[in-house]
């Protein structure tokens, strides 16, 4: 792809690719003296502890905050501590590339139910809320989110931001990809934790960036909002709302000039901002956007899965709809969220076809979990843009090779027959995780098609959705007793070449699954 005819997001993607011949040049020596702290502190803010709400509340307000406390803990709370002598490492409920945790979570409340209405930062280390601003800011949130319908009847929202330097310190310009993936992991936890605690999450990606950043008093060059999640209380009849569109389009930028290395991350993010001008000139309208769901009537919206790789001579494997049991009240799901860990080494042993089916069922077929109390239409930006390919090396009763996963049909379609074990090792930057996993799952997207639909903002949506899917894979693998680890660093173009994936499919994310060593 030539840079001269690329949109800004395409230009960013090309410039941040890893390639065997340039990886050594792209490797950065880390300045450990400048390692960023993965937490924000507010020394003057009033603190509202959330730990007391783990206990059963006596009043209706206390019971409400008990649910919200548990939701926040399952979303991003500290679940383990590695006691390094100079700097203890605090593991969180959501995985993060390099353990850098670039996301911050803010809570905005509409009413004075137990704590004053206002804006709060979630203090991860202490499991507490610190007051950033006490006042009625809900109308400001509504205005920034273009009066999204989900905000009309609800009273609590989470605002998720990215502190760019936390990841850029290690990953440079490519960090924007990892930041969006990490926030996708977090959004995956929010979605599931909401169901556990009788909320329903409504994702909002269409907001005026400058307005919502100003609402939180952010220096947008350092930290900026990437997503809003409205929490509808399902115990209130008035808050049992329909699904709403999550994604709006920004403009497409072709006239961006020369961007030096080191400025690509900022340029990509700023170029994907939604402005009031976009709204004035009709670039984005909620009512014209198809509501994205995991599975709607057996097929993803705007997709034609039956036409993809549906060759009469190719191997096609219909998968059983294998459903995990999350126990009464989804207690096992909550425990799985808190126990999840990224695997560091696989044994090289295989998994069963039924385990693979269970992974894909939980990740893509939420309707199979309706009877267990999970939302059958989880909130994503637009899953019709994300494709899934599965490289199989050690799955019983399944030939080795690369398969396309047809979601609506719950079917694997072989596109290349080969044992890719050594190639996967190479593609994953010679990480043994790629070589020793039983399956390696690739999420991809046609970047040009995504940008045609959502402008530069598509780049955010694609990576956050891929991270969300990756987190569902993480949790399903953990529940099955399997090892799992996401990989955000890979040789981009070589993935397409080796696996036979079309060249116009941009690789977004890789998830490895196997037997942990």
Protein backbone atom coordinates (compact mmCIF):
# COMPACT_ATOMS: atom_id res chain seq x y z
CA UNK A 1 0.00 0.00 0.00
CA UNK A 2 1.45 3.34 -0.97
CA UNK A 3 1.43 6.05 1.65
CA UNK A 4 0.46 8.79 -0.81
CA UNK A 5 -3.10 7.49 -1.30
CA UNK A 6 -3.71 6.21 2.22
CA UNK A 7 -5.97 7.64 4.84
CA UNK A 8 -4.28 8.65 8.07
CA UNK A 9 -5.27 5.41 9.83
CA UNK A 10 -3.95 3.32 6.93
CA UNK A 11 -0.75 5.36 6.94
CA UNK A 12 -0.37 4.82 10.68
CA UNK A 13 -1.00 1.09 10.31
CA UNK A 14 1.59 0.71 7.56
CA UNK A 15 4.19 2.77 9.41
CA UNK A 16 3.80 0.78 12.64
CA UNK A 17 4.05 -2.68 11.12
CA UNK A 18 6.76 -5.04 12.32
CA UNK A 19 8.88 -6.67 9.64
CA UNK A 20 11.80 -9.11 10.04
CA UNK A 21 14.24 -6.83 8.23
CA UNK A 22 13.43 -3.74 10.34
CA UNK A 23 12.55 -5.15 13.76
CA UNK A 24 16.04 -4.62 15.14
CA UNK A 25 15.90 -0.96 14.11
CA UNK A 26 12.48 -0.56 15.70
CA UNK A 27 13.57 -2.13 19.00
CA UNK A 28 13.77 0.52 21.67
CA UNK A 29 16.07 0.56 24.64
CA UNK A 30 13.95 1.27 27.72
CA UNK A 31 14.83 4.16 29.99
CA UNK A 32 13.87 2.61 33.30
CA UNK A 33 14.30 5.93 35.06
CA UNK A 34 11.29 7.20 33.09
CA UNK A 35 9.06 4.18 33.61
CA UNK A 36 5.54 5.57 34.09
CA UNK A 37 3.41 4.87 37.13
CA UNK A 38 0.30 2.87 36.09
CA UNK A 39 -1.98 4.80 38.45
CA UNK A 40 -3.30 8.32 38.84
CA UNK A 41 -3.40 9.99 42.24
CA UNK A 42 -5.54 12.87 43.48
CA UNK A 43 -4.03 14.03 46.78
CA UNK A 44 -6.75 16.64 47.43
CA UNK A 45 -9.83 14.70 46.35
CA UNK A 46 -12.35 13.26 48.78
CA UNK A 47 -12.13 9.47 48.87
CA UNK A 48 -15.14 7.14 48.98
CA UNK A 49 -13.98 3.58 49.84
CA UNK A 50 -15.70 0.78 47.92
CA UNK A 51 -14.42 -2.21 49.91
CA UNK A 52 -17.15 -1.90 52.59
CA UNK A 53 -19.72 -2.48 49.87
CA UNK A 54 -18.45 -6.01 49.26
CA UNK A 55 -20.69 -6.88 52.21
CA UNK A 56 -24.44 -7.11 51.86
CA UNK A 57 -25.98 -3.66 52.09
CA UNK A 58 -28.88 -2.90 54.39
CA UNK A 59 -30.53 -0.08 52.46
CA UNK A 60 -31.51 0.01 48.79
CA UNK A 61 -28.77 2.57 48.13
CA UNK A 62 -26.14 0.41 49.84
CA UNK A 63 -27.21 -2.64 47.86
CA UNK A 64 -26.94 -0.60 44.66
CA UNK A 65 -23.39 0.45 45.52
CA UNK A 66 -22.53 -3.11 46.46
CA UNK A 67 -23.34 -4.11 42.88
CA UNK A 68 -21.40 -1.19 41.45
CA UNK A 69 -18.40 -1.93 43.70
CA UNK A 70 -18.27 -5.52 42.51
CA UNK A 71 -18.64 -4.45 38.89
CA UNK A 72 -15.68 -2.07 39.14
CA UNK A 73 -13.55 -4.67 40.87
CA UNK A 74 -14.27 -7.27 38.20
CA UNK A 75 -13.58 -4.70 35.50
CA UNK A 76 -10.14 -3.45 36.51
CA UNK A 77 -9.46 -4.25 40.16
CA UNK A 78 -6.19 -5.60 41.59
CA UNK A 79 -6.48 -9.39 41.74
CA UNK A 80 -2.91 -10.36 42.72
CA UNK A 81 0.37 -8.81 43.81
CA UNK A 82 3.82 -9.88 42.66
CA UNK A 83 6.07 -8.65 45.51
CA UNK A 84 9.05 -7.32 43.57
CA UNK A 85 11.28 -5.62 46.19
CA UNK A 86 11.66 -2.27 44.44
CA UNK A 87 8.26 -2.03 42.72
CA UNK A 88 5.46 -4.51 43.53
CA UNK A 89 3.54 -5.48 40.41
CA UNK A 90 -0.23 -5.27 40.83
CA UNK A 91 -2.10 -7.59 38.48
CA UNK A 92 -5.56 -6.52 37.40
CA UNK A 93 -8.74 -8.20 36.28
CA UNK A 94 -8.10 -7.10 32.66
CA UNK A 95 -4.85 -8.06 30.89
CA UNK A 96 -2.51 -5.42 29.53
CA UNK A 97 0.40 -5.54 27.08
CA UNK A 98 3.61 -5.49 29.08
CA UNK A 99 1.64 -4.99 32.29
CA UNK A 100 1.56 -1.25 31.59
CA UNK A 101 -2.17 -0.66 32.17
CA UNK A 102 -2.72 2.50 30.12
CA UNK A 103 -6.44 2.80 30.92
CA UNK A 104 -8.09 4.91 33.59
CA UNK A 105 -11.72 4.48 34.63
CA UNK A 106 -13.91 7.38 35.73
CA UNK A 107 -17.41 7.15 37.17
CA UNK A 108 -19.95 9.91 36.61
CA UNK A 109 -23.11 9.86 38.68
CA UNK A 110 -26.34 11.67 37.98
CA UNK A 111 -27.96 11.56 41.44
CA UNK A 112 -26.92 11.81 45.09
CA UNK A 113 -27.64 8.15 45.82
CA UNK A 114 -25.26 7.51 48.78
CA UNK A 115 -22.46 9.70 47.38
CA UNK A 116 -22.77 13.18 45.84
CA UNK A 117 -23.44 13.49 42.13
CA UNK A 118 -20.24 14.25 40.29
CA UNK A 119 -17.18 12.84 38.55
CA UNK A 120 -14.95 10.25 40.23
CA UNK A 121 -11.74 8.44 39.35
CA UNK A 122 -11.56 4.74 40.18
CA UNK A 123 -8.53 4.27 42.43
CA UNK A 124 -7.46 0.77 41.51
CA UNK A 125 -4.90 0.22 44.28
CA UNK A 126 -7.37 1.02 47.06
CA UNK A 127 -10.62 0.01 45.35
CA UNK A 128 -12.08 3.42 46.01
CA UNK A 129 -13.55 6.40 44.20
CA UNK A 130 -11.87 9.77 44.52
CA UNK A 131 -13.92 12.82 43.77
CA UNK A 132 -12.61 14.76 40.77
CA UNK A 133 -15.49 17.22 40.72
CA UNK A 134 -18.72 17.50 42.73
CA UNK A 135 -21.57 18.84 40.67
CA UNK A 136 -24.27 17.79 38.23
CA UNK A 137 -22.27 17.04 35.08
CA UNK A 138 -24.72 14.61 33.51
CA UNK A 139 -26.06 17.13 31.02
CA UNK A 140 -22.48 17.86 29.97
CA UNK A 141 -21.97 14.15 29.35
CA UNK A 142 -25.18 13.99 27.36
CA UNK A 143 -24.13 16.96 25.25
CA UNK A 144 -20.67 15.50 24.58
CA UNK A 145 -22.29 12.17 23.62
CA UNK A 146 -24.72 13.92 21.26
CA UNK A 147 -27.70 13.19 23.51
CA UNK A 148 -27.36 9.44 23.15
CA UNK A 149 -30.69 7.80 24.12
CA UNK A 150 -29.11 5.49 26.72
CA UNK A 151 -28.20 8.51 28.85
CA UNK A 152 -31.78 9.74 29.16
CA UNK A 153 -33.07 7.20 31.69
CA UNK A 154 -29.87 6.10 33.45
CA UNK A 155 -27.80 7.58 36.25
CA UNK A 156 -24.29 6.07 36.18
CA UNK A 157 -21.70 5.89 33.41
CA UNK A 158 -18.10 4.77 33.17
CA UNK A 159 -15.69 6.84 31.09
CA UNK A 160 -12.56 5.00 29.97
CA UNK A 161 -9.45 6.98 29.05
CA UNK A 162 -5.97 6.19 27.79
CA UNK A 163 -2.82 7.62 29.35
CA UNK A 164 -0.71 7.38 26.20
CA UNK A 165 2.80 7.48 27.63
CA UNK A 166 2.25 4.43 29.83
CA UNK A 167 2.34 2.24 26.72
CA UNK A 168 4.34 4.51 24.41
CA UNK A 169 7.24 4.39 26.88
CA UNK A 170 7.79 0.79 25.83
CA UNK A 171 6.10 0.37 22.46
CA UNK A 172 6.57 3.76 20.80
CA UNK A 173 4.14 4.67 18.04
CA UNK A 174 2.72 1.15 17.82
CA UNK A 175 1.43 1.62 21.36
CA UNK A 176 -1.88 3.03 20.08
CA UNK A 177 -2.81 -0.41 18.79
CA UNK A 178 -2.06 -1.99 22.16
CA UNK A 179 -3.83 0.75 24.09
CA UNK A 180 -7.05 0.16 22.16
CA UNK A 181 -6.71 -3.61 22.58
CA UNK A 182 -6.18 -3.17 26.33
CA UNK A 183 -9.27 -0.98 26.59
CA UNK A 184 -11.15 -3.65 24.65
CA UNK A 185 -10.15 -6.18 27.34
CA UNK A 186 -11.53 -3.84 29.97
CA UNK A 187 -14.77 -3.33 28.02
CA UNK A 188 -15.16 -7.10 27.81
CA UNK A 189 -15.00 -7.29 31.59
CA UNK A 190 -17.48 -4.43 31.99
CA UNK A 191 -19.94 -6.21 29.72
CA UNK A 192 -19.84 -9.45 31.68
CA UNK A 193 -19.57 -7.89 35.14
CA UNK A 194 -22.65 -5.84 34.31
CA UNK A 195 -24.68 -9.01 33.73
CA UNK A 196 -23.36 -10.55 36.95
CA UNK A 197 -24.54 -7.50 38.91
CA UNK A 198 -27.90 -6.82 37.25
CA UNK A 199 -26.75 -3.99 35.02
CA UNK A 200 -26.73 -3.76 31.26
CA UNK A 201 -23.88 -1.92 29.59
CA UNK A 202 -24.53 0.41 26.65
CA UNK A 203 -21.31 1.27 24.84
CA UNK A 204 -20.84 4.73 23.33
CA UNK A 205 -18.01 5.47 20.92
CA UNK A 206 -19.64 8.47 19.27
CA UNK A 207 -18.80 11.55 21.28
CA UNK A 208 -17.24 14.94 20.62
CA UNK A 209 -13.70 14.34 21.83
CA UNK A 210 -12.83 17.85 22.89
CA UNK A 211 -16.04 18.20 24.93
CA UNK A 212 -15.72 14.94 26.81
CA UNK A 213 -12.01 15.47 27.50
CA UNK A 214 -12.82 18.93 28.88
CA UNK A 215 -15.56 17.42 31.04
CA UNK A 216 -12.85 15.42 32.85
CA UNK A 217 -10.34 18.30 32.82
CA UNK A 218 -7.86 16.24 30.81
CA UNK A 219 -4.78 17.38 28.94
CA UNK A 220 -5.79 15.54 25.79
CA UNK A 221 -2.20 15.34 24.54
CA UNK A 222 -1.44 13.14 27.55
CA UNK A 223 -4.74 11.43 28.33
CA UNK A 224 -7.94 11.17 26.35
CA UNK A 225 -11.30 9.42 26.38
CA UNK A 226 -11.71 6.34 24.18
CA UNK A 227 -15.03 4.96 25.35
CA UNK A 228 -18.13 5.58 27.46
CA UNK A 229 -20.19 2.80 29.03
CA UNK A 230 -23.66 3.64 30.33
CA UNK A 231 -24.81 1.30 33.12
CA UNK A 232 -28.55 0.67 33.01
CA UNK A 233 -29.94 -0.74 36.24
CA UNK A 234 -31.97 -3.79 35.26
CA UNK A 235 -33.75 -3.77 38.62
CA UNK A 236 -35.42 -0.52 37.54
CA UNK A 237 -38.13 -1.06 34.93
CA UNK A 238 -37.50 2.37 33.41
CA UNK A 239 -33.88 1.42 32.67
CA UNK A 240 -34.58 -1.79 30.74
CA UNK A 241 -33.66 -0.19 27.45
CA UNK A 242 -33.30 -1.36 23.87
CA UNK A 243 -29.88 -1.70 22.27
CA UNK A 244 -28.52 1.47 20.68
CA UNK A 245 -25.82 2.16 18.10
CA UNK A 246 -22.35 2.41 19.62
CA UNK A 247 -20.28 3.77 16.72
CA UNK A 248 -20.38 7.03 14.80
CA UNK A 249 -18.19 8.14 11.91
CA UNK A 250 -15.52 10.80 11.84
CA UNK A 251 -14.08 12.35 8.71
CA UNK A 252 -11.43 10.66 6.57
CA UNK A 253 -8.09 12.45 6.47
CA UNK A 254 -5.85 12.22 3.40
CA UNK A 255 -4.04 15.54 3.72
CA UNK A 256 -1.84 14.89 6.75
CA UNK A 257 1.62 15.73 5.42
CA UNK A 258 4.87 14.25 6.67
CA UNK A 259 4.63 12.79 10.17
CA UNK A 260 7.95 12.08 11.90
CA UNK A 261 8.52 8.93 13.90
CA UNK A 262 7.41 9.49 17.45
CA UNK A 263 4.42 11.59 16.41
CA UNK A 264 2.39 8.88 14.69
CA UNK A 265 0.46 7.82 17.78
CA UNK A 266 -0.74 11.35 18.53
CA UNK A 267 -1.55 12.00 14.88
CA UNK A 268 -3.62 8.83 14.56
CA UNK A 269 -5.60 9.56 17.70
CA UNK A 270 -6.19 13.23 16.93
CA UNK A 271 -7.12 12.43 13.34
CA UNK A 272 -9.85 10.08 14.55
CA UNK A 273 -11.51 12.70 16.74
CA UNK A 274 -15.20 13.45 16.25
CA UNK A 275 -15.93 17.16 16.11
CA UNK A 276 -18.97 19.38 16.16
CA UNK A 277 -18.29 20.09 12.49
CA UNK A 278 -18.86 16.41 11.69
CA UNK A 279 -22.30 16.67 13.28
CA UNK A 280 -23.20 20.00 11.69
CA UNK A 281 -22.48 18.64 8.24
CA UNK A 282 -24.22 15.33 8.90
CA UNK A 283 -21.17 13.05 9.01
CA UNK A 284 -22.58 11.10 11.96
CA UNK A 285 -26.16 10.33 12.83
CA UNK A 286 -27.19 7.78 15.43
CA UNK A 287 -30.38 6.80 13.64
CA UNK A 288 -28.52 5.89 10.45
CA UNK A 289 -26.11 3.48 12.14
CA UNK A 290 -26.88 -0.22 12.33
CA UNK A 291 -26.88 -1.50 15.90
CA UNK A 292 -23.93 -3.93 16.16
CA UNK A 293 -24.54 -7.13 18.09
CA UNK A 294 -22.65 -10.35 18.60
CA UNK A 295 -25.29 -12.42 16.92
CA UNK A 296 -28.61 -11.12 15.65
CA UNK A 297 -30.98 -13.75 14.34
CA UNK A 298 -28.10 -16.09 13.53
CA UNK A 299 -26.02 -13.64 11.51
CA UNK A 300 -23.85 -10.62 12.13
CA UNK A 301 -25.21 -7.34 10.76
CA UNK A 302 -23.93 -6.17 7.41
CA UNK A 303 -22.12 -9.46 6.82
CA UNK A 304 -22.54 -12.28 4.33
CA UNK A 305 -20.77 -15.17 6.12
CA UNK A 306 -22.16 -17.84 3.83
CA UNK A 307 -20.21 -16.40 0.91
CA UNK A 308 -16.78 -16.39 2.55
CA UNK A 309 -14.48 -19.36 1.82
CA UNK A 310 -17.51 -21.49 1.14
CA UNK A 311 -15.70 -23.68 -1.40
CA UNK A 312 -17.40 -26.95 -2.38
CA UNK A 313 -14.07 -28.81 -2.27
CA UNK A 314 -12.77 -27.34 1.00
CA UNK A 315 -12.92 -28.98 4.40
CA UNK A 316 -15.79 -27.58 6.46
CA UNK A 317 -16.23 -28.50 10.11
CA UNK A 318 -19.54 -27.77 11.83
CA UNK A 319 -18.88 -27.17 15.50
CA UNK A 320 -21.11 -28.22 18.38
CA UNK A 321 -22.52 -25.35 20.43
CA UNK A 322 -20.69 -26.28 23.60
CA UNK A 323 -21.84 -24.12 26.50
CA UNK A 324 -19.90 -23.44 29.71
CA UNK A 325 -21.76 -23.61 33.01
CA UNK A 326 -21.33 -20.38 34.97
CA UNK A 327 -23.43 -21.59 37.94
CA UNK A 328 -26.37 -19.91 39.63
CA UNK A 329 -25.99 -16.16 39.74
CA UNK A 330 -22.99 -16.37 37.38
CA UNK A 331 -20.72 -16.96 40.37
CA UNK A 332 -18.30 -19.10 38.39
CA UNK A 333 -17.97 -16.35 35.78
CA UNK A 334 -17.04 -13.79 38.44
CA UNK A 335 -14.48 -16.18 39.89
CA UNK A 336 -13.04 -16.80 36.42
CA UNK A 337 -12.66 -13.06 35.79
CA UNK A 338 -10.72 -12.70 39.03
CA UNK A 339 -8.56 -15.82 38.47
CA UNK A 340 -7.59 -15.12 34.86
CA UNK A 341 -3.86 -14.88 34.17
CA UNK A 342 -1.85 -14.59 30.97
CA UNK A 343 0.05 -17.81 30.28
CA UNK A 344 3.81 -17.51 29.90
CA UNK A 345 4.58 -20.99 28.62
CA UNK A 346 2.68 -23.85 26.98
CA UNK A 347 3.46 -27.53 27.35
CA UNK A 348 3.01 -28.26 23.64
CA UNK A 349 0.12 -30.63 24.33
CA UNK A 350 -3.13 -30.43 22.41
CA UNK A 351 -6.74 -29.56 23.17
CA UNK A 352 -9.98 -31.19 22.09
CA UNK A 353 -12.32 -30.10 19.34
CA UNK A 354 -15.05 -29.71 21.96
CA UNK A 355 -12.83 -27.28 23.91
CA UNK A 356 -12.25 -25.23 20.77
CA UNK A 357 -16.00 -25.21 20.13
CA UNK A 358 -16.60 -23.99 23.69
CA UNK A 359 -14.09 -21.16 23.22
CA UNK A 360 -15.79 -19.95 20.06
CA UNK A 361 -19.31 -20.43 21.39
CA UNK A 362 -18.71 -18.22 24.43
CA UNK A 363 -16.84 -15.61 22.39
CA UNK A 364 -19.27 -15.27 19.48
CA UNK A 365 -22.60 -16.84 20.43
CA UNK A 366 -23.89 -14.95 23.43
CA UNK A 367 -27.41 -16.10 22.62
CA UNK A 368 -26.37 -19.57 23.85
CA UNK A 369 -26.00 -18.05 27.34
CA UNK A 370 -29.37 -16.33 27.50
CA UNK A 371 -30.74 -18.87 29.99
CA UNK A 372 -27.76 -18.31 32.30
CA UNK A 373 -28.50 -14.61 32.56
CA UNK A 374 -25.91 -13.14 30.20
CA UNK A 375 -26.83 -10.43 27.73
CA UNK A 376 -27.58 -12.11 24.43
CA UNK A 377 -26.55 -8.99 22.47
CA UNK A 378 -23.38 -7.63 24.10
CA UNK A 379 -22.43 -4.09 23.23
CA UNK A 380 -19.68 -3.82 20.61
CA UNK A 381 -18.85 -1.08 18.12
CA UNK A 382 -19.33 -3.09 14.91
CA UNK A 383 -18.39 -6.76 14.82
CA UNK A 384 -19.40 -7.11 11.18
CA UNK A 385 -16.01 -5.59 10.33
CA UNK A 386 -13.94 -8.11 12.29
CA UNK A 387 -12.95 -11.47 10.79
CA UNK A 388 -11.57 -14.51 12.61
CA UNK A 389 -8.99 -17.03 11.40
CA UNK A 390 -7.82 -20.02 13.42
CA UNK A 391 -4.43 -21.69 12.95
CA UNK A 392 -4.71 -25.24 14.27
CA UNK A 393 -1.65 -27.27 15.23
CA UNK A 394 -2.84 -29.61 18.01
CA UNK A 395 -6.60 -30.15 18.17
CA UNK A 396 -7.91 -33.70 18.38
CA UNK A 397 -10.15 -34.76 15.47
CA UNK A 398 -9.28 -31.65 13.47
CA UNK A 399 -6.79 -31.46 10.63
CA UNK A 400 -3.88 -29.06 10.98
CA UNK A 401 -4.08 -25.88 8.97
CA UNK A 402 -5.57 -22.41 8.84
CA UNK A 403 -9.33 -22.04 9.02
CA UNK A 404 -11.77 -19.20 8.51
CA UNK A 405 -14.39 -19.12 11.26
CA UNK A 406 -17.87 -18.46 9.84
CA UNK A 407 -19.63 -17.05 12.90
CA UNK A 408 -23.27 -17.35 11.89
CA UNK A 409 -22.79 -20.97 10.83
CA UNK A 410 -20.48 -21.78 13.78
CA UNK A 411 -18.28 -23.49 11.22
CA UNK A 412 -14.58 -23.74 10.45
CA UNK A 413 -13.60 -23.58 6.77
CA UNK A 414 -10.10 -24.66 5.93
CA UNK A 415 -8.22 -22.25 3.68
CA UNK A 416 -4.74 -23.76 3.97
CA UNK A 417 -3.63 -27.26 4.94
CA UNK A 418 -0.30 -27.33 6.73
CA UNK A 419 1.31 -27.61 10.14
CA UNK A 420 2.20 -24.00 10.92
CA UNK A 421 4.01 -24.65 14.19
CA UNK A 422 7.39 -23.21 13.20
CA UNK A 423 5.87 -20.41 11.13
CA UNK A 424 3.71 -19.36 14.09
CA UNK A 425 6.85 -19.15 16.19
CA UNK A 426 8.32 -16.80 13.60
CA UNK A 427 5.15 -14.74 13.05
CA UNK A 428 4.82 -14.05 16.78
CA UNK A 429 8.31 -12.46 16.86
CA UNK A 430 9.86 -15.82 17.78
CA UNK A 431 7.84 -16.10 20.96
CA UNK A 432 7.48 -19.70 22.09
CA UNK A 433 3.83 -19.02 22.87
CA UNK A 434 3.07 -19.08 19.14
CA UNK A 435 5.00 -22.28 18.57
CA UNK A 436 3.68 -24.30 21.52
CA UNK A 437 0.01 -23.25 21.52
CA UNK A 438 -2.62 -25.69 20.32
CA UNK A 439 -4.52 -23.01 18.42
CA UNK A 440 -3.68 -19.44 17.47
CA UNK A 441 -6.65 -17.16 16.76
CA UNK A 442 -6.24 -14.11 14.51
CA UNK A 443 -8.61 -11.16 14.38
CA UNK A 444 -8.39 -9.13 11.20
CA UNK A 445 -10.31 -6.43 9.34
CA UNK A 446 -10.47 -4.89 5.91
CA UNK A 447 -9.16 -1.50 6.97
CA UNK A 448 -10.26 0.31 3.82
CA UNK A 449 -13.84 -0.94 4.19
CA UNK A 450 -13.91 0.00 7.87
CA UNK A 451 -12.66 3.51 7.15
CA UNK A 452 -15.23 3.90 4.38
CA UNK A 453 -17.91 3.25 7.01
CA UNK A 454 -16.55 5.08 10.05
CA UNK A 455 -13.74 7.32 8.87
CA UNK A 456 -10.49 7.49 10.82
CA UNK A 457 -12.37 6.57 13.98
CA UNK A 458 -12.71 3.03 12.65
CA UNK A 459 -9.18 2.29 13.80
CA UNK A 460 -10.19 2.74 17.43
CA UNK A 461 -13.34 0.68 17.04
CA UNK A 462 -11.63 -2.24 15.32
CA UNK A 463 -8.93 -2.67 17.95
CA UNK A 464 -11.27 -2.22 20.90
CA UNK A 465 -13.67 -4.79 19.47
CA UNK A 466 -10.78 -7.19 18.83
CA UNK A 467 -9.61 -6.73 22.42
CA UNK A 468 -13.16 -7.34 23.66
CA UNK A 469 -13.33 -10.61 21.71
CA UNK A 470 -9.87 -11.52 22.98
CA UNK A 471 -11.02 -11.08 26.58
CA UNK A 472 -13.96 -13.40 26.03
CA UNK A 473 -11.49 -15.96 24.67
CA UNK A 474 -9.32 -15.41 27.75
CA UNK A 475 -12.18 -16.13 30.11
CA UNK A 476 -13.48 -19.16 28.23
CA UNK A 477 -9.99 -20.68 28.14
CA UNK A 478 -9.52 -20.02 31.86
CA UNK A 479 -12.85 -21.70 32.65
CA UNK A 480 -11.75 -24.74 30.62
CA UNK A 481 -8.48 -25.00 32.53
CA UNK A 482 -6.46 -23.97 29.48
CA UNK A 483 -3.64 -21.49 29.14
CA UNK A 484 -4.24 -18.34 27.11
CA UNK A 485 -2.25 -15.28 26.13
CA UNK A 486 -2.82 -12.36 23.79
CA UNK A 487 -0.09 -11.16 21.45
CA UNK A 488 -0.04 -7.63 20.04
CA UNK A 489 3.41 -7.86 18.46
CA UNK A 490 3.73 -9.81 15.21
CA UNK A 491 5.09 -9.57 11.68
CA UNK A 492 2.02 -8.03 10.06
CA UNK A 493 2.40 -8.77 6.36
CA UNK A 494 3.98 -12.16 6.93
CA UNK A 495 0.90 -13.33 8.84
CA UNK A 496 -1.20 -12.82 5.71
CA UNK A 497 1.39 -14.48 3.46
CA UNK A 498 2.00 -17.56 5.60
CA UNK A 499 -1.59 -18.30 6.56
CA UNK A 500 -3.17 -17.44 3.22
CA UNK A 501 -5.19 -14.55 4.64
CA UNK A 502 -6.10 -11.92 2.00
CA UNK A 503 -3.58 -9.10 1.78
CA UNK A 504 -6.25 -6.46 2.39
CA UNK A 505 -7.05 -7.93 5.81
CA UNK A 506 -5.17 -5.95 8.46
CA UNK A 507 -4.16 -8.15 11.38
CA UNK A 508 -5.47 -6.63 14.60
CA UNK A 509 -4.76 -9.12 17.36
CA UNK A 510 -3.57 -12.65 18.08
CA UNK A 511 -4.74 -14.91 20.91
CA UNK A 512 -2.87 -18.14 21.68
CA UNK A 513 -4.55 -21.02 23.51
CA UNK A 514 -3.11 -24.32 24.70
CA UNK A 515 -2.15 -26.44 27.67
CA UNK A 516 -0.15 -24.40 30.17
CA UNK A 517 3.24 -25.82 31.13
